[in-house]
Amino acid sequence: MNPSASSRNGSWGWSWEVFLSFRGEDTRFTFTDHLHSALVQNGIRTFRDDEGLDRGEEIRSSLLKAIEESRVSIVVFSRTYAHSKWCLDELTKIMECQAQERQKVVPVFYHVDPSDVRKQTGSFGDAFAGYENVPLEKVQRWRAALTEAADLSGWHVQDGV
């Protein structure tokens, strides 16, 4: 483990215990809202983009900082997750932190097949079909992050909210 990670392992060293990455239009008022509520009710300091940002702060840099300062990231992969460049940028940062052993990543496959995330097929393939004007190296980083995240042990939610 790198020195910065070991110096931040205590609960006092993290701004957030959990960072939630999700596509708002798919899950904000359903699954992610229930998950966030359950975490907070159990005393887990959880970052969600609509609550963790200070007013007036630049959103992008604040989100990236929140990712870096989180002990765990829960990534809720949903049908249109990959349709958001913002979500894909978040995921890339999350996987960078995980690779540096600074963060645990837990994927949740919400009404999507993990193999569609891993191989960028189905709705994930549809999303990438629209990224022909995005620089190739960025698209490759997004694809690598999706594949790596989908290979992690997580939860597959097929029914319910």
N, C-alpha and C. Protein backbone atom coordinates (compact mmCIF):
# COMPACT_ATOMS: atom_id res chain seq x y z
N MET A 1 0.85 -1.18 0.00
CA MET A 1 0.00 0.00 0.00
C MET A 1 0.89 1.24 0.00
N ASN A 2 0.50 2.25 -0.75
CA ASN A 2 1.33 3.44 -0.82
C ASN A 2 1.21 4.27 0.46
N PRO A 3 2.19 5.14 0.75
CA PRO A 3 2.19 5.89 2.00
C PRO A 3 0.96 6.76 2.20
N SER A 4 0.46 7.39 1.15
CA SER A 4 -0.70 8.26 1.34
C SER A 4 -1.93 7.45 1.75
N ALA A 5 -2.04 6.24 1.24
CA ALA A 5 -3.19 5.41 1.61
C ALA A 5 -3.10 4.99 3.07
N SER A 6 -1.93 4.58 3.52
CA SER A 6 -1.82 4.12 4.89
C SER A 6 -2.02 5.27 5.88
N SER A 7 -1.66 6.46 5.51
CA SER A 7 -1.83 7.58 6.42
C SER A 7 -3.28 8.05 6.49
N ARG A 8 -4.14 7.59 5.57
CA ARG A 8 -5.53 8.02 5.55
C ARG A 8 -6.49 6.91 5.95
N ASN A 9 -5.97 5.76 6.38
CA ASN A 9 -6.85 4.63 6.66
C ASN A 9 -7.77 4.84 7.85
N GLY A 10 -7.39 5.64 8.81
CA GLY A 10 -8.27 5.88 9.95
C GLY A 10 -9.48 6.68 9.51
N SER A 11 -10.58 6.56 10.25
CA SER A 11 -11.80 7.26 9.84
C SER A 11 -11.60 8.77 9.84
N TRP A 12 -10.64 9.26 10.62
CA TRP A 12 -10.36 10.69 10.66
C TRP A 12 -9.69 11.18 9.38
N GLY A 13 -9.12 10.29 8.57
CA GLY A 13 -8.38 10.70 7.38
C GLY A 13 -9.22 10.80 6.12
N TRP A 14 -10.46 10.37 6.18
CA TRP A 14 -11.32 10.38 5.00
C TRP A 14 -12.42 11.42 5.19
N SER A 15 -12.68 12.19 4.17
CA SER A 15 -13.81 13.12 4.25
C SER A 15 -15.13 12.36 4.16
N TRP A 16 -15.12 11.28 3.38
CA TRP A 16 -16.33 10.49 3.14
C TRP A 16 -16.00 9.02 3.32
N GLU A 17 -16.92 8.28 3.90
CA GLU A 17 -16.74 6.83 3.97
C GLU A 17 -17.16 6.19 2.65
N VAL A 18 -18.21 6.75 2.01
CA VAL A 18 -18.72 6.19 0.76
C VAL A 18 -19.00 7.31 -0.24
N PHE A 19 -18.59 7.09 -1.48
CA PHE A 19 -18.94 7.96 -2.60
C PHE A 19 -19.89 7.16 -3.48
N LEU A 20 -21.06 7.73 -3.79
CA LEU A 20 -22.02 7.07 -4.67
C LEU A 20 -21.88 7.62 -6.09
N SER A 21 -21.62 6.74 -7.04
CA SER A 21 -21.58 7.11 -8.45
C SER A 21 -22.78 6.45 -9.11
N PHE A 22 -23.62 7.27 -9.77
CA PHE A 22 -24.85 6.76 -10.36
C PHE A 22 -25.34 7.71 -11.43
N ARG A 23 -26.19 7.21 -12.30
CA ARG A 23 -26.83 8.04 -13.31
C ARG A 23 -28.15 8.53 -12.72
N GLY A 24 -28.23 9.81 -12.45
CA GLY A 24 -29.37 10.38 -11.76
C GLY A 24 -30.71 10.05 -12.37
N GLU A 25 -30.82 10.17 -13.67
CA GLU A 25 -32.13 9.96 -14.29
C GLU A 25 -32.61 8.51 -14.18
N ASP A 26 -31.68 7.57 -13.96
CA ASP A 26 -32.07 6.16 -13.82
C ASP A 26 -32.43 5.79 -12.39
N THR A 27 -31.66 6.29 -11.42
CA THR A 27 -31.80 5.72 -10.07
C THR A 27 -31.86 6.73 -8.93
N ARG A 28 -31.77 8.04 -9.22
CA ARG A 28 -31.69 9.02 -8.12
C ARG A 28 -32.87 8.90 -7.14
N PHE A 29 -34.09 8.76 -7.63
CA PHE A 29 -35.26 8.75 -6.75
C PHE A 29 -35.77 7.35 -6.46
N THR A 30 -34.99 6.34 -6.82
CA THR A 30 -35.40 4.96 -6.54
C THR A 30 -34.25 4.28 -5.78
N PHE A 31 -33.56 3.40 -6.44
CA PHE A 31 -32.54 2.58 -5.79
C PHE A 31 -31.49 3.40 -5.05
N THR A 32 -30.90 4.39 -5.72
CA THR A 32 -29.81 5.16 -5.10
C THR A 32 -30.32 5.94 -3.89
N ASP A 33 -31.53 6.45 -3.97
CA ASP A 33 -32.10 7.17 -2.83
C ASP A 33 -32.26 6.25 -1.63
N HIS A 34 -32.75 5.03 -1.88
CA HIS A 34 -32.91 4.05 -0.79
C HIS A 34 -31.56 3.64 -0.23
N LEU A 35 -30.60 3.42 -1.10
CA LEU A 35 -29.25 3.04 -0.66
C LEU A 35 -28.63 4.16 0.19
N HIS A 36 -28.71 5.39 -0.30
CA HIS A 36 -28.17 6.53 0.42
C HIS A 36 -28.81 6.65 1.80
N SER A 37 -30.13 6.54 1.86
CA SER A 37 -30.83 6.63 3.14
C SER A 37 -30.38 5.55 4.11
N ALA A 38 -30.25 4.34 3.63
CA ALA A 38 -29.82 3.23 4.50
C ALA A 38 -28.40 3.45 5.03
N LEU A 39 -27.51 3.93 4.17
CA LEU A 39 -26.13 4.19 4.61
C LEU A 39 -26.11 5.29 5.68
N VAL A 40 -26.80 6.38 5.42
CA VAL A 40 -26.82 7.52 6.36
C VAL A 40 -27.47 7.11 7.68
N GLN A 41 -28.57 6.36 7.61
CA GLN A 41 -29.25 5.91 8.83
C GLN A 41 -28.35 5.02 9.69
N ASN A 42 -27.38 4.38 9.05
CA ASN A 42 -26.44 3.53 9.79
C ASN A 42 -25.17 4.26 10.15
N GLY A 43 -25.19 5.58 10.05
CA GLY A 43 -24.07 6.39 10.49
C GLY A 43 -22.89 6.43 9.53
N ILE A 44 -23.12 6.08 8.28
CA ILE A 44 -22.05 6.06 7.28
C ILE A 44 -22.06 7.38 6.52
N ARG A 45 -20.97 8.12 6.62
CA ARG A 45 -20.85 9.43 5.94
C ARG A 45 -20.75 9.18 4.45
N THR A 46 -21.80 9.57 3.72
CA THR A 46 -21.96 9.21 2.31
C THR A 46 -22.06 10.45 1.43
N PHE A 47 -21.25 10.49 0.38
CA PHE A 47 -21.30 11.58 -0.59
C PHE A 47 -22.26 11.22 -1.71
N ARG A 48 -23.22 12.10 -1.91
CA ARG A 48 -24.11 12.02 -3.08
C ARG A 48 -24.10 13.41 -3.68
N ASP A 49 -24.01 13.50 -4.98
CA ASP A 49 -23.74 14.79 -5.64
C ASP A 49 -24.69 15.92 -5.28
N ASP A 50 -25.92 15.62 -4.90
CA ASP A 50 -26.84 16.70 -4.58
C ASP A 50 -26.73 17.18 -3.14
N GLU A 51 -25.96 16.49 -2.30
CA GLU A 51 -25.83 16.89 -0.91
C GLU A 51 -24.41 17.23 -0.50
N GLY A 52 -23.42 16.61 -1.15
CA GLY A 52 -22.05 16.75 -0.70
C GLY A 52 -21.30 17.95 -1.23
N LEU A 53 -21.92 18.71 -2.12
CA LEU A 53 -21.23 19.85 -2.73
C LEU A 53 -21.55 21.14 -2.00
N ASP A 54 -20.54 21.94 -1.75
CA ASP A 54 -20.76 23.25 -1.16
C ASP A 54 -21.24 24.20 -2.26
N ARG A 55 -22.21 25.02 -1.94
CA ARG A 55 -22.73 25.97 -2.92
C ARG A 55 -21.62 26.89 -3.40
N GLY A 56 -21.57 27.12 -4.69
CA GLY A 56 -20.57 28.02 -5.26
C GLY A 56 -19.30 27.32 -5.69
N GLU A 57 -19.11 26.05 -5.28
CA GLU A 57 -17.92 25.32 -5.68
C GLU A 57 -18.05 24.86 -7.13
N GLU A 58 -16.91 24.74 -7.79
CA GLU A 58 -16.93 24.19 -9.14
C GLU A 58 -17.27 22.70 -9.01
N ILE A 59 -18.28 22.27 -9.73
CA ILE A 59 -18.81 20.92 -9.56
C ILE A 59 -17.79 19.85 -9.93
N ARG A 60 -17.18 19.93 -11.08
CA ARG A 60 -16.28 18.88 -11.53
C ARG A 60 -15.13 18.66 -10.55
N SER A 61 -14.44 19.73 -10.16
CA SER A 61 -13.30 19.57 -9.26
C SER A 61 -13.77 19.09 -7.89
N SER A 62 -14.94 19.51 -7.45
CA SER A 62 -15.47 19.06 -6.17
C SER A 62 -15.79 17.56 -6.18
N LEU A 63 -16.35 17.08 -7.28
CA LEU A 63 -16.65 15.66 -7.38
C LEU A 63 -15.37 14.82 -7.40
N LEU A 64 -14.38 15.26 -8.17
CA LEU A 64 -13.13 14.52 -8.24
C LEU A 64 -12.44 14.50 -6.87
N LYS A 65 -12.50 15.61 -6.16
CA LYS A 65 -11.92 15.68 -4.82
C LYS A 65 -12.67 14.74 -3.88
N ALA A 66 -14.00 14.72 -3.97
CA ALA A 66 -14.80 13.83 -3.12
C ALA A 66 -14.46 12.37 -3.39
N ILE A 67 -14.21 12.02 -4.64
CA ILE A 67 -13.81 10.65 -4.97
C ILE A 67 -12.49 10.33 -4.28
N GLU A 68 -11.52 11.22 -4.42
CA GLU A 68 -10.20 11.01 -3.82
C GLU A 68 -10.27 10.89 -2.31
N GLU A 69 -11.22 11.57 -1.70
CA GLU A 69 -11.32 11.62 -0.25
C GLU A 69 -12.33 10.62 0.32
N SER A 70 -12.70 9.63 -0.49
CA SER A 70 -13.64 8.61 -0.06
C SER A 70 -12.94 7.28 0.15
N ARG A 71 -13.39 6.58 1.14
CA ARG A 71 -12.80 5.28 1.48
C ARG A 71 -13.31 4.19 0.54
N VAL A 72 -14.58 4.28 0.18
CA VAL A 72 -15.23 3.29 -0.68
C VAL A 72 -16.05 4.03 -1.72
N SER A 73 -16.07 3.51 -2.94
CA SER A 73 -17.00 4.01 -3.96
C SER A 73 -17.96 2.89 -4.31
N ILE A 74 -19.24 3.21 -4.29
CA ILE A 74 -20.27 2.29 -4.77
C ILE A 74 -20.73 2.83 -6.11
N VAL A 75 -20.54 2.04 -7.15
CA VAL A 75 -20.89 2.45 -8.51
C VAL A 75 -22.16 1.71 -8.91
N VAL A 76 -23.23 2.46 -9.14
CA VAL A 76 -24.51 1.88 -9.53
C VAL A 76 -24.61 1.94 -11.05
N PHE A 77 -24.32 0.81 -11.68
CA PHE A 77 -24.43 0.74 -13.14
C PHE A 77 -25.88 0.51 -13.50
N SER A 78 -26.43 1.41 -14.28
CA SER A 78 -27.82 1.31 -14.72
C SER A 78 -27.86 1.45 -16.25
N ARG A 79 -29.05 1.35 -16.80
CA ARG A 79 -29.22 1.29 -18.26
C ARG A 79 -28.52 2.43 -19.00
N THR A 80 -28.59 3.66 -18.50
CA THR A 80 -28.00 4.78 -19.24
C THR A 80 -26.73 5.34 -18.57
N TYR A 81 -26.14 4.57 -17.66
CA TYR A 81 -24.92 5.04 -16.98
C TYR A 81 -23.86 5.47 -18.00
N ALA A 82 -23.61 4.64 -18.99
CA ALA A 82 -22.55 4.93 -19.97
C ALA A 82 -22.95 6.01 -20.97
N HIS A 83 -24.18 6.45 -20.94
CA HIS A 83 -24.61 7.55 -21.80
C HIS A 83 -24.17 8.90 -21.23
N SER A 84 -23.64 8.88 -20.04
CA SER A 84 -23.17 10.10 -19.38
C SER A 84 -21.65 10.16 -19.38
N LYS A 85 -21.10 11.12 -20.09
CA LYS A 85 -19.64 11.31 -20.08
C LYS A 85 -19.17 11.63 -18.66
N TRP A 86 -20.00 12.34 -17.94
CA TRP A 86 -19.70 12.70 -16.56
C TRP A 86 -19.52 11.43 -15.71
N CYS A 87 -20.47 10.49 -15.81
CA CYS A 87 -20.38 9.23 -15.07
C CYS A 87 -19.12 8.46 -15.46
N LEU A 88 -18.82 8.45 -16.75
CA LEU A 88 -17.63 7.73 -17.20
C LEU A 88 -16.35 8.37 -16.70
N ASP A 89 -16.33 9.70 -16.63
CA ASP A 89 -15.16 10.39 -16.06
C ASP A 89 -15.03 10.07 -14.57
N GLU A 90 -16.16 10.07 -13.85
CA GLU A 90 -16.14 9.69 -12.43
C GLU A 90 -15.59 8.29 -12.26
N LEU A 91 -16.10 7.36 -13.07
CA LEU A 91 -15.66 5.97 -12.97
C LEU A 91 -14.17 5.84 -13.23
N THR A 92 -13.67 6.56 -14.22
CA THR A 92 -12.24 6.52 -14.52
C THR A 92 -11.43 6.96 -13.31
N LYS A 93 -11.86 8.03 -12.66
CA LYS A 93 -11.17 8.53 -11.45
C LYS A 93 -11.28 7.51 -10.32
N ILE A 94 -12.44 6.93 -10.14
CA ILE A 94 -12.64 5.92 -9.10
C ILE A 94 -11.69 4.75 -9.31
N MET A 95 -11.59 4.28 -10.54
CA MET A 95 -10.73 3.12 -10.81
C MET A 95 -9.25 3.48 -10.67
N GLU A 96 -8.89 4.72 -10.95
CA GLU A 96 -7.51 5.18 -10.69
C GLU A 96 -7.20 5.11 -9.20
N CYS A 97 -8.13 5.58 -8.38
CA CYS A 97 -7.94 5.53 -6.92
C CYS A 97 -7.86 4.09 -6.43
N GLN A 98 -8.68 3.22 -6.99
CA GLN A 98 -8.65 1.81 -6.61
C GLN A 98 -7.31 1.17 -7.00
N ALA A 99 -6.81 1.52 -8.17
CA ALA A 99 -5.53 0.95 -8.64
C ALA A 99 -4.37 1.38 -7.76
N GLN A 100 -4.49 2.56 -7.16
CA GLN A 100 -3.44 3.07 -6.28
C GLN A 100 -3.64 2.59 -4.84
N GLU A 101 -4.57 1.64 -4.65
CA GLU A 101 -4.87 1.05 -3.35
C GLU A 101 -5.33 2.08 -2.33
N ARG A 102 -6.00 3.11 -2.81
CA ARG A 102 -6.53 4.13 -1.92
C ARG A 102 -8.02 3.97 -1.68
N GLN A 103 -8.64 3.02 -2.38
CA GLN A 103 -10.09 2.95 -2.30
C GLN A 103 -10.59 1.57 -2.68
N LYS A 104 -11.66 1.15 -2.02
CA LYS A 104 -12.36 -0.08 -2.39
C LYS A 104 -13.52 0.32 -3.30
N VAL A 105 -13.77 -0.47 -4.31
CA VAL A 105 -14.85 -0.19 -5.25
C VAL A 105 -15.83 -1.35 -5.23
N VAL A 106 -17.11 -1.01 -5.09
CA VAL A 106 -18.17 -2.01 -5.06
C VAL A 106 -19.16 -1.70 -6.17
N PRO A 107 -19.21 -2.54 -7.20
CA PRO A 107 -20.19 -2.29 -8.28
C PRO A 107 -21.56 -2.87 -7.94
N VAL A 108 -22.59 -2.15 -8.36
CA VAL A 108 -23.97 -2.64 -8.28
C VAL A 108 -24.50 -2.59 -9.70
N PHE A 109 -24.96 -3.74 -10.17
CA PHE A 109 -25.50 -3.82 -11.53
C PHE A 109 -27.02 -3.76 -11.43
N TYR A 110 -27.55 -2.55 -11.60
CA TYR A 110 -28.97 -2.29 -11.40
C TYR A 110 -29.73 -2.46 -12.71
N HIS A 111 -30.41 -3.60 -12.81
CA HIS A 111 -31.20 -3.93 -14.00
C HIS A 111 -30.36 -3.95 -15.27
N VAL A 112 -29.07 -4.24 -15.14
CA VAL A 112 -28.19 -4.43 -16.29
C VAL A 112 -27.37 -5.70 -16.07
N ASP A 113 -26.99 -6.32 -17.16
CA ASP A 113 -26.16 -7.52 -17.09
C ASP A 113 -24.70 -7.11 -16.92
N PRO A 114 -24.01 -7.66 -15.93
CA PRO A 114 -22.60 -7.32 -15.75
C PRO A 114 -21.76 -7.53 -17.01
N SER A 115 -22.12 -8.51 -17.83
CA SER A 115 -21.34 -8.73 -19.06
C SER A 115 -21.53 -7.58 -20.06
N ASP A 116 -22.68 -6.90 -20.04
CA ASP A 116 -22.87 -5.73 -20.90
C ASP A 116 -21.95 -4.59 -20.47
N VAL A 117 -21.75 -4.46 -19.16
CA VAL A 117 -20.82 -3.45 -18.66
C VAL A 117 -19.40 -3.84 -19.05
N ARG A 118 -19.04 -5.08 -18.79
CA ARG A 118 -17.68 -5.58 -19.05
C ARG A 118 -17.28 -5.47 -20.52
N LYS A 119 -18.22 -5.84 -21.41
CA LYS A 119 -17.91 -5.91 -22.84
C LYS A 119 -18.43 -4.71 -23.63
N GLN A 120 -19.10 -3.77 -22.92
CA GLN A 120 -19.74 -2.62 -23.55
C GLN A 120 -20.65 -3.06 -24.69
N THR A 121 -21.60 -3.93 -24.33
CA THR A 121 -22.64 -4.36 -25.25
C THR A 121 -23.98 -3.88 -24.71
N GLY A 122 -25.06 -4.16 -25.41
CA GLY A 122 -26.38 -3.72 -24.97
C GLY A 122 -26.43 -2.20 -24.89
N SER A 123 -27.04 -1.67 -23.85
CA SER A 123 -27.16 -0.21 -23.73
C SER A 123 -25.78 0.45 -23.56
N PHE A 124 -24.82 -0.28 -23.03
CA PHE A 124 -23.46 0.27 -22.88
C PHE A 124 -22.79 0.39 -24.25
N GLY A 125 -23.03 -0.57 -25.13
CA GLY A 125 -22.52 -0.47 -26.50
C GLY A 125 -23.20 0.65 -27.26
N ASP A 126 -24.52 0.80 -27.05
CA ASP A 126 -25.26 1.89 -27.69
C ASP A 126 -24.66 3.24 -27.31
N ALA A 127 -24.31 3.40 -26.04
CA ALA A 127 -23.73 4.67 -25.58
C ALA A 127 -22.43 4.96 -26.31
N PHE A 128 -21.58 3.97 -26.43
CA PHE A 128 -20.27 4.19 -27.06
C PHE A 128 -20.38 4.46 -28.56
N ALA A 129 -21.47 4.03 -29.17
CA ALA A 129 -21.68 4.32 -30.59
C ALA A 129 -21.80 5.82 -30.82
N GLY A 130 -22.20 6.56 -29.78
CA GLY A 130 -22.36 8.00 -29.90
C GLY A 130 -21.12 8.80 -29.54
N TYR A 131 -20.02 8.15 -29.28
CA TYR A 131 -18.81 8.84 -28.83
C TYR A 131 -17.73 8.94 -29.91
N GLU A 132 -18.14 8.96 -31.17
CA GLU A 132 -17.16 9.02 -32.26
C GLU A 132 -16.39 10.34 -32.28
N ASN A 133 -16.93 11.40 -31.69
CA ASN A 133 -16.23 12.69 -31.66
C ASN A 133 -15.40 12.90 -30.40
N VAL A 134 -15.37 11.90 -29.54
CA VAL A 134 -14.57 11.97 -28.30
C VAL A 134 -13.19 11.41 -28.63
N PRO A 135 -12.13 12.04 -28.13
CA PRO A 135 -10.78 11.53 -28.41
C PRO A 135 -10.65 10.04 -28.05
N LEU A 136 -10.01 9.29 -28.93
CA LEU A 136 -9.89 7.84 -28.79
C LEU A 136 -9.28 7.44 -27.45
N GLU A 137 -8.24 8.16 -27.01
CA GLU A 137 -7.59 7.77 -25.75
C GLU A 137 -8.55 7.90 -24.55
N LYS A 138 -9.45 8.88 -24.60
CA LYS A 138 -10.44 9.04 -23.53
C LYS A 138 -11.44 7.88 -23.57
N VAL A 139 -11.91 7.55 -24.76
CA VAL A 139 -12.84 6.43 -24.92
C VAL A 139 -12.19 5.13 -24.44
N GLN A 140 -10.92 4.94 -24.74
CA GLN A 140 -10.21 3.74 -24.29
C GLN A 140 -10.12 3.69 -22.77
N ARG A 141 -9.89 4.84 -22.13
CA ARG A 141 -9.85 4.88 -20.65
C ARG A 141 -11.22 4.54 -20.07
N TRP A 142 -12.28 5.07 -20.68
CA TRP A 142 -13.63 4.74 -20.21
C TRP A 142 -13.90 3.25 -20.34
N ARG A 143 -13.55 2.68 -21.50
CA ARG A 143 -13.79 1.25 -21.72
C ARG A 143 -13.01 0.40 -20.71
N ALA A 144 -11.76 0.77 -20.48
CA ALA A 144 -10.93 0.02 -19.53
C ALA A 144 -11.51 0.10 -18.12
N ALA A 145 -11.99 1.29 -17.74
CA ALA A 145 -12.58 1.46 -16.41
C ALA A 145 -13.84 0.61 -16.26
N LEU A 146 -14.69 0.59 -17.28
CA LEU A 146 -15.90 -0.23 -17.23
C LEU A 146 -15.55 -1.71 -17.11
N THR A 147 -14.61 -2.16 -17.91
CA THR A 147 -14.21 -3.57 -17.89
C THR A 147 -13.65 -3.95 -16.53
N GLU A 148 -12.77 -3.11 -16.01
CA GLU A 148 -12.15 -3.39 -14.72
C GLU A 148 -13.19 -3.39 -13.59
N ALA A 149 -14.09 -2.44 -13.60
CA ALA A 149 -15.12 -2.37 -12.56
C ALA A 149 -16.06 -3.57 -12.63
N ALA A 150 -16.41 -3.99 -13.84
CA ALA A 150 -17.33 -5.11 -14.01
C ALA A 150 -16.70 -6.43 -13.59
N ASP A 151 -15.37 -6.48 -13.53
CA ASP A 151 -14.68 -7.69 -13.08
C ASP A 151 -14.61 -7.80 -11.56
N LEU A 152 -15.00 -6.74 -10.85
CA LEU A 152 -14.98 -6.76 -9.39
C LEU A 152 -16.22 -7.46 -8.85
N SER A 153 -16.09 -8.03 -7.67
CA SER A 153 -17.23 -8.64 -7.00
C SER A 153 -18.19 -7.55 -6.55
N GLY A 154 -19.46 -7.75 -6.85
CA GLY A 154 -20.46 -6.75 -6.47
C GLY A 154 -21.83 -7.37 -6.37
N TRP A 155 -22.86 -6.55 -6.57
CA TRP A 155 -24.24 -7.01 -6.48
C TRP A 155 -24.94 -6.83 -7.82
N HIS A 156 -25.81 -7.80 -8.12
CA HIS A 156 -26.62 -7.74 -9.33
C HIS A 156 -28.07 -7.62 -8.88
N VAL A 157 -28.69 -6.46 -9.11
CA VAL A 157 -30.07 -6.20 -8.71
C VAL A 157 -30.94 -6.29 -9.96
N GLN A 158 -31.81 -7.29 -9.98
CA GLN A 158 -32.67 -7.47 -11.15
C GLN A 158 -34.10 -7.05 -10.90
N ASP A 159 -34.55 -7.16 -9.66
CA ASP A 159 -35.94 -6.86 -9.32
C ASP A 159 -35.99 -5.72 -8.30
N GLY A 160 -37.16 -5.17 -8.11
CA GLY A 160 -37.36 -4.15 -7.08
C GLY A 160 -37.10 -2.76 -7.60
N VAL A 161 -36.98 -1.83 -6.64
CA VAL A 161 -36.82 -0.41 -6.98
C VAL A 161 -35.54 -0.10 -7.67
